[in-house]
Amino acid sequence: MKINGLTIRTNDLEKSKVFYRDYLGMVIESEFSPFEGTHIVILTAENAMSIELLFNVRANIKADNSGVSFGMHSSKYEQLLQTAREENIVTDGPRILGGRFECFFITDPNGVGIQVTREISEKM
């Protein structure tokens, strides 16, 4: 099995696009409205995994992504960590895992937890 993407429900599509595009560096592949009141943005990571941001204007309840999290490995670890500290979105770390990885944790604008990692040998 190969998992190629995940969907994140959002109440603020623009803020979410800025986070995933500008902060994490994902590329917007497409934006469309399959029907009135629903907007979808597909973003792709370097390894071709995609994130679908889903916004529905008719939703009466706040999008709840609590409990959802994913991990990502980034060659821009230091830059992401510095920006996360400046934006005050670091929820934990940095810390060493298993003597092999360094990581920190952040939360996106929708409540999704993200673990950002790098191999310790990349620390130079």
PDB file of N, CA and C in Angstrom:
ATOM      1  N   MET A   1       0.846  -1.167   0.000  1.00  0.00           N
ATOM      2  CA  MET A   1       0.000   0.000   0.000  1.00  0.00           C
ATOM      3  C   MET A   1       0.892   1.230   0.000  1.00  0.00           C
ATOM      4  N   LYS A   2       0.434   2.244  -0.699  1.00  0.00           N
ATOM      5  CA  LYS A   2       1.129   3.529  -0.731  1.00  0.00           C
ATOM      6  C   LYS A   2       0.114   4.616  -0.409  1.00  0.00           C
ATOM      7  N   ILE A   3       0.336   5.338   0.670  1.00  0.00           N
ATOM      8  CA  ILE A   3      -0.546   6.447   1.028  1.00  0.00           C
ATOM      9  C   ILE A   3      -0.004   7.673   0.318  1.00  0.00           C
ATOM     10  N   ASN A   4      -0.876   8.349  -0.427  1.00  0.00           N
ATOM     11  CA  ASN A   4      -0.380   9.481  -1.214  1.00  0.00           C
ATOM     12  C   ASN A   4      -0.901  10.830  -0.756  1.00  0.00           C
ATOM     13  N   GLY A   5      -1.762  10.872   0.257  1.00  0.00           N
ATOM     14  CA  GLY A   5      -2.239  12.179   0.692  1.00  0.00           C
ATOM     15  C   GLY A   5      -3.167  12.102   1.875  1.00  0.00           C
ATOM     16  N   LEU A   6      -3.505  13.293   2.377  1.00  0.00           N
ATOM     17  CA  LEU A   6      -4.464  13.386   3.460  1.00  0.00           C
ATOM     18  C   LEU A   6      -5.280  14.654   3.280  1.00  0.00           C
ATOM     19  N   THR A   7      -6.467  14.664   3.869  1.00  0.00           N
ATOM     20  CA  THR A   7      -7.372  15.806   3.792  1.00  0.00           C
ATOM     21  C   THR A   7      -7.444  16.490   5.145  1.00  0.00           C
ATOM     22  N   ILE A   8      -7.343  17.811   5.125  1.00  0.00           N
ATOM     23  CA  ILE A   8      -7.454  18.615   6.340  1.00  0.00           C
ATOM     24  C   ILE A   8      -8.611  19.584   6.144  1.00  0.00           C
ATOM     25  N   ARG A   9      -9.596  19.504   7.023  1.00  0.00           N
ATOM     26  CA  ARG A   9     -10.718  20.442   6.984  1.00  0.00           C
ATOM     27  C   ARG A   9     -10.277  21.757   7.607  1.00  0.00           C
ATOM     28  N   THR A  10     -10.667  22.865   6.985  1.00  0.00           N
ATOM     29  CA  THR A  10     -10.235  24.165   7.471  1.00  0.00           C
ATOM     30  C   THR A  10     -11.375  25.165   7.513  1.00  0.00           C
ATOM     31  N   ASN A  11     -11.314  26.073   8.474  1.00  0.00           N
ATOM     32  CA  ASN A  11     -12.248  27.190   8.550  1.00  0.00           C
ATOM     33  C   ASN A  11     -11.645  28.454   7.963  1.00  0.00           C
ATOM     34  N   ASP A  12     -10.335  28.447   7.728  1.00  0.00           N
ATOM     35  CA  ASP A  12      -9.638  29.606   7.169  1.00  0.00           C
ATOM     36  C   ASP A  12      -8.711  29.122   6.068  1.00  0.00           C
ATOM     37  N   LEU A  13      -9.243  29.042   4.870  1.00  0.00           N
ATOM     38  CA  LEU A  13      -8.502  28.494   3.729  1.00  0.00           C
ATOM     39  C   LEU A  13      -7.259  29.320   3.407  1.00  0.00           C
ATOM     40  N   GLU A  14      -7.368  30.628   3.435  1.00  0.00           N
ATOM     41  CA  GLU A  14      -6.216  31.477   3.094  1.00  0.00           C
ATOM     42  C   GLU A  14      -5.077  31.306   4.095  1.00  0.00           C
ATOM     43  N   LYS A  15      -5.410  31.292   5.375  1.00  0.00           N
ATOM     44  CA  LYS A  15      -4.379  31.112   6.405  1.00  0.00           C
ATOM     45  C   LYS A  15      -3.716  29.742   6.255  1.00  0.00           C
ATOM     46  N   SER A  16      -4.496  28.738   5.936  1.00  0.00           N
ATOM     47  CA  SER A  16      -3.959  27.389   5.749  1.00  0.00           C
ATOM     48  C   SER A  16      -3.064  27.316   4.514  1.00  0.00           C
ATOM     49  N   LYS A  17      -3.482  27.965   3.430  1.00  0.00           N
ATOM     50  CA  LYS A  17      -2.646  27.998   2.215  1.00  0.00           C
ATOM     51  C   LYS A  17      -1.298  28.654   2.504  1.00  0.00           C
ATOM     52  N   VAL A  18      -1.309  29.768   3.215  1.00  0.00           N
ATOM     53  CA  VAL A  18      -0.067  30.464   3.561  1.00  0.00           C
ATOM     54  C   VAL A  18       0.836  29.549   4.387  1.00  0.00           C
ATOM     55  N   PHE A  19       0.271  28.849   5.367  1.00  0.00           N
ATOM     56  CA  PHE A  19       1.061  27.958   6.217  1.00  0.00           C
ATOM     57  C   PHE A  19       1.727  26.860   5.394  1.00  0.00           C
ATOM     58  N   TYR A  20       0.947  26.143   4.616  1.00  0.00           N
ATOM     59  CA  TYR A  20       1.496  25.004   3.874  1.00  0.00           C
ATOM     60  C   TYR A  20       2.363  25.429   2.690  1.00  0.00           C
ATOM     61  N   ARG A  21       2.007  26.491   2.028  1.00  0.00           N
ATOM     62  CA  ARG A  21       2.783  26.962   0.873  1.00  0.00           C
ATOM     63  C   ARG A  21       4.009  27.754   1.315  1.00  0.00           C
ATOM     64  N   ASP A  22       3.802  28.790   2.101  1.00  0.00           N
ATOM     65  CA  ASP A  22       4.890  29.712   2.422  1.00  0.00           C
ATOM     66  C   ASP A  22       5.782  29.214   3.548  1.00  0.00           C
ATOM     67  N   TYR A  23       5.209  28.614   4.577  1.00  0.00           N
ATOM     68  CA  TYR A  23       6.028  28.142   5.688  1.00  0.00           C
ATOM     69  C   TYR A  23       6.659  26.785   5.380  1.00  0.00           C
ATOM     70  N   LEU A  24       5.848  25.785   5.022  1.00  0.00           N
ATOM     71  CA  LEU A  24       6.390  24.450   4.779  1.00  0.00           C
ATOM     72  C   LEU A  24       6.976  24.281   3.381  1.00  0.00           C
ATOM     73  N   GLY A  25       6.662  25.184   2.466  1.00  0.00           N
ATOM     74  CA  GLY A  25       7.255  25.115   1.129  1.00  0.00           C
ATOM     75  C   GLY A  25       6.584  24.140   0.175  1.00  0.00           C
ATOM     76  N   MET A  26       5.351  23.756   0.470  1.00  0.00           N
ATOM     77  CA  MET A  26       4.629  22.864  -0.442  1.00  0.00           C
ATOM     78  C   MET A  26       4.170  23.661  -1.666  1.00  0.00           C
ATOM     79  N   VAL A  27       3.911  22.955  -2.747  1.00  0.00           N
ATOM     80  CA  VAL A  27       3.519  23.586  -4.006  1.00  0.00           C
ATOM     81  C   VAL A  27       2.023  23.387  -4.226  1.00  0.00           C
ATOM     82  N   ILE A  28       1.327  24.473  -4.543  1.00  0.00           N
ATOM     83  CA  ILE A  28      -0.096  24.355  -4.865  1.00  0.00           C
ATOM     84  C   ILE A  28      -0.220  23.760  -6.263  1.00  0.00           C
ATOM     85  N   GLU A  29      -0.848  22.596  -6.337  1.00  0.00           N
ATOM     86  CA  GLU A  29      -1.048  21.905  -7.611  1.00  0.00           C
ATOM     87  C   GLU A  29      -2.361  22.304  -8.266  1.00  0.00           C
ATOM     88  N   SER A  30      -3.390  22.510  -7.441  1.00  0.00           N
ATOM     89  CA  SER A  30      -4.682  22.910  -7.999  1.00  0.00           C
ATOM     90  C   SER A  30      -5.558  23.520  -6.912  1.00  0.00           C
ATOM     91  N   GLU A  31      -6.486  24.347  -7.365  1.00  0.00           N
ATOM     92  CA  GLU A  31      -7.511  24.944  -6.515  1.00  0.00           C
ATOM     93  C   GLU A  31      -8.805  24.879  -7.308  1.00  0.00           C
ATOM     94  N   PHE A  32      -9.873  24.429  -6.671  1.00  0.00           N
ATOM     95  CA  PHE A  32     -11.139  24.339  -7.380  1.00  0.00           C
ATOM     96  C   PHE A  32     -12.299  24.270  -6.408  1.00  0.00           C
ATOM     97  N   SER A  33     -13.489  24.481  -6.937  1.00  0.00           N
ATOM     98  CA  SER A  33     -14.732  24.365  -6.186  1.00  0.00           C
ATOM     99  C   SER A  33     -15.586  23.302  -6.858  1.00  0.00           C
ATOM    100  N   PRO A  34     -15.675  22.104  -6.261  1.00  0.00           N
ATOM    101  CA  PRO A  34     -16.461  21.036  -6.881  1.00  0.00           C
ATOM    102  C   PRO A  34     -17.950  21.344  -6.920  1.00  0.00           C
ATOM    103  N   PHE A  35     -18.410  22.185  -5.979  1.00  0.00           N
ATOM    104  CA  PHE A  35     -19.786  22.671  -5.983  1.00  0.00           C
ATOM    105  C   PHE A  35     -19.834  23.935  -5.141  1.00  0.00           C
ATOM    106  N   GLU A  36     -20.907  24.685  -5.266  1.00  0.00           N
ATOM    107  CA  GLU A  36     -21.027  25.974  -4.595  1.00  0.00           C
ATOM    108  C   GLU A  36     -20.803  25.850  -3.093  1.00  0.00           C
ATOM    109  N   GLY A  37     -19.944  26.720  -2.563  1.00  0.00           N
ATOM    110  CA  GLY A  37     -19.689  26.769  -1.134  1.00  0.00           C
ATOM    111  C   GLY A  37     -18.561  25.874  -0.653  1.00  0.00           C
ATOM    112  N   THR A  38     -18.009  25.056  -1.530  1.00  0.00           N
ATOM    113  CA  THR A  38     -16.901  24.174  -1.155  1.00  0.00           C
ATOM    114  C   THR A  38     -15.689  24.516  -2.001  1.00  0.00           C
ATOM    115  N   HIS A  39     -14.558  24.676  -1.323  1.00  0.00           N
ATOM    116  CA  HIS A  39     -13.311  25.006  -2.008  1.00  0.00           C
ATOM    117  C   HIS A  39     -12.242  24.007  -1.578  1.00  0.00           C
ATOM    118  N   ILE A  40     -11.435  23.576  -2.547  1.00  0.00           N
ATOM    119  CA  ILE A  40     -10.383  22.600  -2.290  1.00  0.00           C
ATOM    120  C   ILE A  40      -9.075  23.134  -2.853  1.00  0.00           C
ATOM    121  N   VAL A  41      -8.008  22.986  -2.078  1.00  0.00           N
ATOM    122  CA  VAL A  41      -6.661  23.311  -2.524  1.00  0.00           C
ATOM    123  C   VAL A  41      -5.815  22.062  -2.330  1.00  0.00           C
ATOM    124  N   ILE A  42      -5.136  21.632  -3.390  1.00  0.00           N
ATOM    125  CA  ILE A  42      -4.245  20.475  -3.329  1.00  0.00           C
ATOM    126  C   ILE A  42      -2.807  20.989  -3.353  1.00  0.00           C
ATOM    127  N   LEU A  43      -2.041  20.619  -2.333  1.00  0.00           N
ATOM    128  CA  LEU A  43      -0.625  20.981  -2.247  1.00  0.00           C
ATOM    129  C   LEU A  43       0.210  19.711  -2.258  1.00  0.00           C
ATOM    130  N   THR A  44       1.412  19.788  -2.833  1.00  0.00           N
ATOM    131  CA  THR A  44       2.265  18.623  -2.945  1.00  0.00           C
ATOM    132  C   THR A  44       3.619  18.886  -2.294  1.00  0.00           C
ATOM    133  N   ALA A  45       4.128  17.867  -1.597  1.00  0.00           N
ATOM    134  CA  ALA A  45       5.454  17.922  -0.978  1.00  0.00           C
ATOM    135  C   ALA A  45       6.500  17.405  -1.964  1.00  0.00           C
ATOM    136  N   GLU A  46       7.771  17.525  -1.594  1.00  0.00           N
ATOM    137  CA  GLU A  46       8.873  17.072  -2.445  1.00  0.00           C
ATOM    138  C   GLU A  46       8.764  15.606  -2.836  1.00  0.00           C
ATOM    139  N   ASN A  47       8.237  14.769  -1.947  1.00  0.00           N
ATOM    140  CA  ASN A  47       8.140  13.336  -2.228  1.00  0.00           C
ATOM    141  C   ASN A  47       6.824  12.958  -2.904  1.00  0.00           C
ATOM    142  N   ALA A  48       6.082  13.940  -3.386  1.00  0.00           N
ATOM    143  CA  ALA A  48       4.821  13.770  -4.125  1.00  0.00           C
ATOM    144  C   ALA A  48       3.617  13.473  -3.234  1.00  0.00           C
ATOM    145  N   MET A  49       3.777  13.425  -1.924  1.00  0.00           N
ATOM    146  CA  MET A  49       2.607  13.276  -1.059  1.00  0.00           C
ATOM    147  C   MET A  49       1.813  14.574  -1.103  1.00  0.00           C
ATOM    148  N   SER A  50       0.507  14.449  -1.063  1.00  0.00           N
ATOM    149  CA  SER A  50      -0.327  15.647  -1.172  1.00  0.00           C
ATOM    150  C   SER A  50      -1.166  15.865   0.079  1.00  0.00           C
ATOM    151  N   ILE A  51      -1.481  17.134   0.278  1.00  0.00           N
ATOM    152  CA  ILE A  51      -2.405  17.551   1.328  1.00  0.00           C
ATOM    153  C   ILE A  51      -3.539  18.288   0.640  1.00  0.00           C
ATOM    154  N   GLU A  52      -4.755  17.888   0.963  1.00  0.00           N
ATOM    155  CA  GLU A  52      -5.944  18.535   0.431  1.00  0.00           C
ATOM    156  C   GLU A  52      -6.534  19.389   1.547  1.00  0.00           C
ATOM    157  N   LEU A  53      -6.596  20.691   1.321  1.00  0.00           N
ATOM    158  CA  LEU A  53      -7.265  21.595   2.252  1.00  0.00           C
ATOM    159  C   LEU A  53      -8.711  21.712   1.799  1.00  0.00           C
ATOM    160  N   LEU A  54      -9.648  21.436   2.674  1.00  0.00           N
ATOM    161  CA  LEU A  54     -11.067  21.416   2.343  1.00  0.00           C
ATOM    162  C   LEU A  54     -11.807  22.462   3.163  1.00  0.00           C
ATOM    163  N   PHE A  55     -12.447  23.394   2.481  1.00  0.00           N
ATOM    164  CA  PHE A  55     -13.220  24.449   3.122  1.00  0.00           C
ATOM    165  C   PHE A  55     -14.646  24.382   2.617  1.00  0.00           C
ATOM    166  N   ASN A  56     -15.614  24.394   3.556  1.00  0.00           N
ATOM    167  CA  ASN A  56     -17.021  24.383   3.187  1.00  0.00           C
ATOM    168  C   ASN A  56     -17.713  25.515   3.929  1.00  0.00           C
ATOM    169  N   VAL A  57     -18.229  26.501   3.188  1.00  0.00           N
ATOM    170  CA  VAL A  57     -18.851  27.670   3.819  1.00  0.00           C
ATOM    171  C   VAL A  57     -20.132  27.320   4.562  1.00  0.00           C
ATOM    172  N   ARG A  58     -20.757  26.208   4.233  1.00  0.00           N
ATOM    173  CA  ARG A  58     -22.014  25.828   4.878  1.00  0.00           C
ATOM    174  C   ARG A  58     -21.832  25.039   6.161  1.00  0.00           C
ATOM    175  N   ALA A  59     -20.601  24.684   6.478  1.00  0.00           N
ATOM    176  CA  ALA A  59     -20.375  23.899   7.698  1.00  0.00           C
ATOM    177  C   ALA A  59     -20.774  24.724   8.914  1.00  0.00           C
ATOM    178  N   ASN A  60     -21.653  24.196   9.729  1.00  0.00           N
ATOM    179  CA  ASN A  60     -22.128  24.900  10.921  1.00  0.00           C
ATOM    180  C   ASN A  60     -21.209  24.716  12.113  1.00  0.00           C
ATOM    181  N   ILE A  61     -20.333  23.740  12.032  1.00  0.00           N
ATOM    182  CA  ILE A  61     -19.439  23.467  13.152  1.00  0.00           C
ATOM    183  C   ILE A  61     -18.000  23.737  12.749  1.00  0.00           C
ATOM    184  N   LYS A  62     -17.200  24.029  13.721  1.00  0.00           N
ATOM    185  CA  LYS A  62     -15.786  24.278  13.485  1.00  0.00           C
ATOM    186  C   LYS A  62     -15.123  22.985  13.015  1.00  0.00           C
ATOM    187  N   ALA A  63     -14.277  23.110  11.999  1.00  0.00           N
ATOM    188  CA  ALA A  63     -13.521  21.949  11.534  1.00  0.00           C
ATOM    189  C   ALA A  63     -12.681  21.423  12.690  1.00  0.00           C
ATOM    190  N   ASP A  64     -12.794  20.144  12.978  1.00  0.00           N
ATOM    191  CA  ASP A  64     -12.066  19.551  14.100  1.00  0.00           C
ATOM    192  C   ASP A  64     -11.055  18.550  13.595  1.00  0.00           C
ATOM    193  N   ASN A  65      -9.787  18.921  13.679  1.00  0.00           N
ATOM    194  CA  ASN A  65      -8.698  18.034  13.284  1.00  0.00           C
ATOM    195  C   ASN A  65      -7.880  17.615  14.502  1.00  0.00           C
ATOM    196  N   SER A  66      -8.444  17.801  15.701  1.00  0.00           N
ATOM    197  CA  SER A  66      -7.712  17.426  16.901  1.00  0.00           C
ATOM    198  C   SER A  66      -7.436  15.928  16.865  1.00  0.00           C
ATOM    199  N   GLY A  67      -6.274  15.571  17.301  1.00  0.00           N
ATOM    200  CA  GLY A  67      -5.886  14.166  17.283  1.00  0.00           C
ATOM    201  C   GLY A  67      -5.222  13.748  15.988  1.00  0.00           C
ATOM    202  N   VAL A  68      -5.287  14.594  14.954  1.00  0.00           N
ATOM    203  CA  VAL A  68      -4.648  14.284  13.685  1.00  0.00           C
ATOM    204  C   VAL A  68      -3.235  14.850  13.704  1.00  0.00           C
ATOM    205  N   SER A  69      -2.264  14.052  13.277  1.00  0.00           N
ATOM    206  CA  SER A  69      -0.892  14.541  13.182  1.00  0.00           C
ATOM    207  C   SER A  69      -0.159  13.787  12.085  1.00  0.00           C
ATOM    208  N   PHE A  70       0.925  14.383  11.615  1.00  0.00           N
ATOM    209  CA  PHE A  70       1.786  13.706  10.652  1.00  0.00           C
ATOM    210  C   PHE A  70       3.212  14.191  10.846  1.00  0.00           C
ATOM    211  N   GLY A  71       4.151  13.423  10.333  1.00  0.00           N
ATOM    212  CA  GLY A  71       5.559  13.773  10.433  1.00  0.00           C
ATOM    213  C   GLY A  71       6.111  14.123   9.071  1.00  0.00           C
ATOM    214  N   MET A  72       7.114  14.985   9.075  1.00  0.00           N
ATOM    215  CA  MET A  72       7.774  15.353   7.827  1.00  0.00           C
ATOM    216  C   MET A  72       9.256  15.530   8.086  1.00  0.00           C
ATOM    217  N   HIS A  73      10.053  15.189   7.099  1.00  0.00           N
ATOM    218  CA  HIS A  73      11.493  15.363   7.151  1.00  0.00           C
ATOM    219  C   HIS A  73      11.819  16.544   6.253  1.00  0.00           C
ATOM    220  N   SER A  74      12.646  17.468   6.726  1.00  0.00           N
ATOM    221  CA  SER A  74      12.916  18.661   5.930  1.00  0.00           C
ATOM    222  C   SER A  74      14.393  19.001   5.890  1.00  0.00           C
ATOM    223  N   SER A  75      14.872  19.337   4.694  1.00  0.00           N
ATOM    224  CA  SER A  75      16.239  19.818   4.536  1.00  0.00           C
ATOM    225  C   SER A  75      16.350  21.268   5.006  1.00  0.00           C
ATOM    226  N   LYS A  76      15.214  21.916   5.269  1.00  0.00           N
ATOM    227  CA  LYS A  76      15.175  23.297   5.751  1.00  0.00           C
ATOM    228  C   LYS A  76      14.842  23.348   7.240  1.00  0.00           C
ATOM    229  N   TYR A  77      15.272  22.336   7.964  1.00  0.00           N
ATOM    230  CA  TYR A  77      14.943  22.176   9.384  1.00  0.00           C
ATOM    231  C   TYR A  77      15.250  23.434  10.190  1.00  0.00           C
ATOM    232  N   GLU A  78      16.468  23.946  10.107  1.00  0.00           N
ATOM    233  CA  GLU A  78      16.863  25.119  10.903  1.00  0.00           C
ATOM    234  C   GLU A  78      15.995  26.329  10.592  1.00  0.00           C
ATOM    235  N   GLN A  79      15.732  26.551   9.309  1.00  0.00           N
ATOM    236  CA  GLN A  79      14.902  27.677   8.886  1.00  0.00           C
ATOM    237  C   GLN A  79      13.480  27.523   9.415  1.00  0.00           C
ATOM    238  N   LEU A  80      12.929  26.314   9.319  1.00  0.00           N
ATOM    239  CA  LEU A  80      11.577  26.059   9.824  1.00  0.00           C
ATOM    240  C   LEU A  80      11.516  26.250  11.339  1.00  0.00           C
ATOM    241  N   LEU A  81      12.539  25.758  12.043  1.00  0.00           N
ATOM    242  CA  LEU A  81      12.572  25.903  13.503  1.00  0.00           C
ATOM    243  C   LEU A  81      12.650  27.375  13.896  1.00  0.00           C
ATOM    244  N   GLN A  82      13.497  28.129  13.233  1.00  0.00           N
ATOM    245  CA  GLN A  82      13.630  29.558  13.550  1.00  0.00           C
ATOM    246  C   GLN A  82      12.313  30.295  13.325  1.00  0.00           C
ATOM    247  N   THR A  83      11.684  30.049  12.190  1.00  0.00           N
ATOM    248  CA  THR A  83      10.406  30.704  11.896  1.00  0.00           C
ATOM    249  C   THR A  83       9.327  30.262  12.876  1.00  0.00           C
ATOM    250  N   ALA A  84       9.294  28.978  13.216  1.00  0.00           N
ATOM    251  CA  ALA A  84       8.305  28.469  14.172  1.00  0.00           C
ATOM    252  C   ALA A  84       8.481  29.133  15.536  1.00  0.00           C
ATOM    253  N   ARG A  85       9.721  29.346  15.936  1.00  0.00           N
ATOM    254  CA  ARG A  85       9.970  30.044  17.209  1.00  0.00           C
ATOM    255  C   ARG A  85       9.495  31.496  17.120  1.00  0.00           C
ATOM    256  N   GLU A  86       9.800  32.163  16.005  1.00  0.00           N
ATOM    257  CA  GLU A  86       9.374  33.552  15.827  1.00  0.00           C
ATOM    258  C   GLU A  86       7.858  33.675  15.817  1.00  0.00           C
ATOM    259  N   GLU A  87       7.180  32.708  15.226  1.00  0.00           N
ATOM    260  CA  GLU A  87       5.720  32.714  15.139  1.00  0.00           C
ATOM    261  C   GLU A  87       5.058  32.111  16.378  1.00  0.00           C
ATOM    262  N   ASN A  88       5.880  31.625  17.312  1.00  0.00           N
ATOM    263  CA  ASN A  88       5.397  31.027  18.551  1.00  0.00           C
ATOM    264  C   ASN A  88       4.448  29.852  18.314  1.00  0.00           C
ATOM    265  N   ILE A  89       4.835  28.968  17.371  1.00  0.00           N
ATOM    266  CA  ILE A  89       4.001  27.801  17.084  1.00  0.00           C
ATOM    267  C   ILE A  89       4.671  26.482  17.459  1.00  0.00           C
ATOM    268  N   VAL A  90       5.852  26.545  18.084  1.00  0.00           N
ATOM    269  CA  VAL A  90       6.515  25.323  18.555  1.00  0.00           C
ATOM    270  C   VAL A  90       5.750  24.830  19.776  1.00  0.00           C
ATOM    271  N   THR A  91       5.296  23.588  19.729  1.00  0.00           N
ATOM    272  CA  THR A  91       4.571  23.018  20.868  1.00  0.00           C
ATOM    273  C   THR A  91       5.459  22.125  21.730  1.00  0.00           C
ATOM    274  N   ASP A  92       6.596  21.664  21.164  1.00  0.00           N
ATOM    275  CA  ASP A  92       7.530  20.828  21.919  1.00  0.00           C
ATOM    276  C   ASP A  92       8.843  20.727  21.149  1.00  0.00           C
ATOM    277  N   GLY A  93       9.937  20.588  21.890  1.00  0.00           N
ATOM    278  CA  GLY A  93      11.234  20.377  21.271  1.00  0.00           C
ATOM    279  C   GLY A  93      11.995  21.674  21.082  1.00  0.00           C
ATOM    280  N   PRO A  94      13.108  21.572  20.400  1.00  0.00           N
ATOM    281  CA  PRO A  94      13.651  20.379  19.749  1.00  0.00           C
ATOM    282  C   PRO A  94      14.138  19.336  20.770  1.00  0.00           C
ATOM    283  N   ARG A  95      14.134  18.112  20.296  1.00  0.00           N
ATOM    284  CA  ARG A  95      14.583  16.988  21.109  1.00  0.00           C
ATOM    285  C   ARG A  95      15.212  15.931  20.204  1.00  0.00           C
ATOM    286  N   ILE A  96      16.021  15.053  20.796  1.00  0.00           N
ATOM    287  CA  ILE A  96      16.666  13.963  20.068  1.00  0.00           C
ATOM    288  C   ILE A  96      15.820  12.700  20.265  1.00  0.00           C
ATOM    289  N   LEU A  97      15.567  11.992  19.181  1.00  0.00           N
ATOM    290  CA  LEU A  97      14.792  10.744  19.231  1.00  0.00           C
ATOM    291  C   LEU A  97      15.689   9.578  18.834  1.00  0.00           C
ATOM    292  N   GLY A  98      15.836   8.633  19.727  1.00  0.00           N
ATOM    293  CA  GLY A  98      16.578   7.413  19.407  1.00  0.00           C
ATOM    294  C   GLY A  98      18.033   7.632  19.040  1.00  0.00           C
ATOM    295  N   GLY A  99      18.586   8.771  19.385  1.00  0.00           N
ATOM    296  CA  GLY A  99      19.969   9.048  19.067  1.00  0.00           C
ATOM    297  C   GLY A  99      20.249   9.288  17.595  1.00  0.00           C
ATOM    298  N   ARG A 100      19.209   9.292  16.781  1.00  0.00           N
ATOM    299  CA  ARG A 100      19.381   9.386  15.336  1.00  0.00           C
ATOM    300  C   ARG A 100      18.713  10.599  14.704  1.00  0.00           C
ATOM    301  N   PHE A 101      17.636  11.058  15.292  1.00  0.00           N
ATOM    302  CA  PHE A 101      16.863  12.161  14.730  1.00  0.00           C
ATOM    303  C   PHE A 101      16.705  13.295  15.733  1.00  0.00           C
ATOM    304  N   GLU A 102      16.667  14.497  15.210  1.00  0.00           N
ATOM    305  CA  GLU A 102      16.292  15.658  15.997  1.00  0.00           C
ATOM    306  C   GLU A 102      14.940  16.097  15.465  1.00  0.00           C
ATOM    307  N   CYS A 103      14.058  16.563  16.359  1.00  0.00           N
ATOM    308  CA  CYS A 103      12.737  16.972  15.897  1.00  0.00           C
ATOM    309  C   CYS A 103      12.162  18.067  16.780  1.00  0.00           C
ATOM    310  N   PHE A 104      11.167  18.744  16.229  1.00  0.00           N
ATOM    311  CA  PHE A 104      10.342  19.660  17.006  1.00  0.00           C
ATOM    312  C   PHE A 104       8.914  19.493  16.514  1.00  0.00           C
ATOM    313  N   PHE A 105       7.975  19.973  17.304  1.00  0.00           N
ATOM    314  CA  PHE A 105       6.559  19.794  17.010  1.00  0.00           C
ATOM    315  C   PHE A 105       5.881  21.157  16.899  1.00  0.00           C
ATOM    316  N   ILE A 106       4.986  21.273  15.934  1.00  0.00           N
ATOM    317  CA  ILE A 106       4.201  22.483  15.720  1.00  0.00           C
ATOM    318  C   ILE A 106       2.755  22.087  15.476  1.00  0.00           C
ATOM    319  N   THR A 107       1.874  23.077  15.480  1.00  0.00           N
ATOM    320  CA  THR A 107       0.472  22.847  15.136  1.00  0.00           C
ATOM    321  C   THR A 107       0.098  23.810  14.031  1.00  0.00           C
ATOM    322  N   ASP A 108      -0.571  23.293  13.006  1.00  0.00           N
ATOM    323  CA  ASP A 108      -0.987  24.144  11.887  1.00  0.00           C
ATOM    324  C   ASP A 108      -2.207  24.975  12.280  1.00  0.00           C
ATOM    325  N   PRO A 109      -2.665  25.886  11.415  1.00  0.00           N
ATOM    326  CA  PRO A 109      -3.812  26.738  11.765  1.00  0.00           C
ATOM    327  C   PRO A 109      -5.115  25.977  12.011  1.00  0.00           C
ATOM    328  N   ASN A 110      -5.145  24.692  11.686  1.00  0.00           N
ATOM    329  CA  ASN A 110      -6.362  23.890  11.815  1.00  0.00           C
ATOM    330  C   ASN A 110      -6.312  22.904  12.974  1.00  0.00           C
ATOM    331  N   GLY A 111      -5.260  22.975  13.779  1.00  0.00           N
ATOM    332  CA  GLY A 111      -5.134  22.067  14.910  1.00  0.00           C
ATOM    333  C   GLY A 111      -4.426  20.762  14.600  1.00  0.00           C
ATOM    334  N   VAL A 112      -3.862  20.618  13.402  1.00  0.00           N
ATOM    335  CA  VAL A 112      -3.149  19.408  13.019  1.00  0.00           C
ATOM    336  C   VAL A 112      -1.728  19.491  13.566  1.00  0.00           C
ATOM    337  N   GLY A 113      -1.302  18.447  14.271  1.00  0.00           N
ATOM    338  CA  GLY A 113       0.053  18.391  14.802  1.00  0.00           C
ATOM    339  C   GLY A 113       1.033  17.954  13.729  1.00  0.00           C
ATOM    340  N   ILE A 114       2.207  18.580  13.717  1.00  0.00           N
ATOM    341  CA  ILE A 114       3.232  18.243  12.731  1.00  0.00           C
ATOM    342  C   ILE A 114       4.562  18.060  13.464  1.00  0.00           C
ATOM    343  N   GLN A 115       5.206  16.931  13.203  1.00  0.00           N
ATOM    344  CA  GLN A 115       6.538  16.666  13.724  1.00  0.00           C
ATOM    345  C   GLN A 115       7.518  16.916  12.580  1.00  0.00           C
ATOM    346  N   VAL A 116       8.463  17.829  12.787  1.00  0.00           N
ATOM    347  CA  VAL A 116       9.473  18.142  11.779  1.00  0.00           C
ATOM    348  C   VAL A 116      10.776  17.504  12.230  1.00  0.00           C
ATOM    349  N   THR A 117      11.399  16.690  11.369  1.00  0.00           N
ATOM    350  CA  THR A 117      12.605  15.956  11.747  1.00  0.00           C
ATOM    351  C   THR A 117      13.761  16.213  10.782  1.00  0.00           C
ATOM    352  N   ARG A 118      14.948  15.856  11.288  1.00  0.00           N
ATOM    353  CA  ARG A 118      16.150  15.762  10.459  1.00  0.00           C
ATOM    354  C   ARG A 118      17.063  14.748  11.118  1.00  0.00           C
ATOM    355  N   GLU A 119      17.894  14.114  10.308  1.00  0.00           N
ATOM    356  CA  GLU A 119      18.878  13.202  10.863  1.00  0.00           C
ATOM    357  C   GLU A 119      19.941  14.030  11.558  1.00  0.00           C
ATOM    358  N   ILE A 120      20.459  13.535  12.642  1.00  0.00           N
ATOM    359  CA  ILE A 120      21.450  14.282  13.415  1.00  0.00           C
ATOM    360  C   ILE A 120      22.685  14.577  12.568  1.00  0.00           C
ATOM    361  N   SER A 121      23.043  13.695  11.672  1.00  0.00           N
ATOM    362  CA  SER A 121      24.220  13.923  10.826  1.00  0.00           C
ATOM    363  C   SER A 121      24.045  15.141   9.924  1.00  0.00           C
ATOM    364  N   GLU A 122      22.795  15.602   9.716  1.00  0.00           N
ATOM    365  CA  GLU A 122      22.524  16.778   8.893  1.00  0.00           C
ATOM    366  C   GLU A 122      22.737  18.066   9.675  1.00  0.00           C
ATOM    367  N   LYS A 123      23.027  17.974  10.947  1.00  0.00           N
ATOM    368  CA  LYS A 123      23.063  19.128  11.838  1.00  0.00           C
ATOM    369  C   LYS A 123      24.186  20.108  11.528  1.00  0.00           C
ATOM    370  N   MET A 124      25.119  19.734  10.786  1.00  0.00           N
ATOM    371  CA  MET A 124      26.280  20.589  10.504  1.00  0.00           C
ATOM    372  C   MET A 124      25.823  21.880  10.004  1.00  0.00           C
TER     373      MET A 124
END
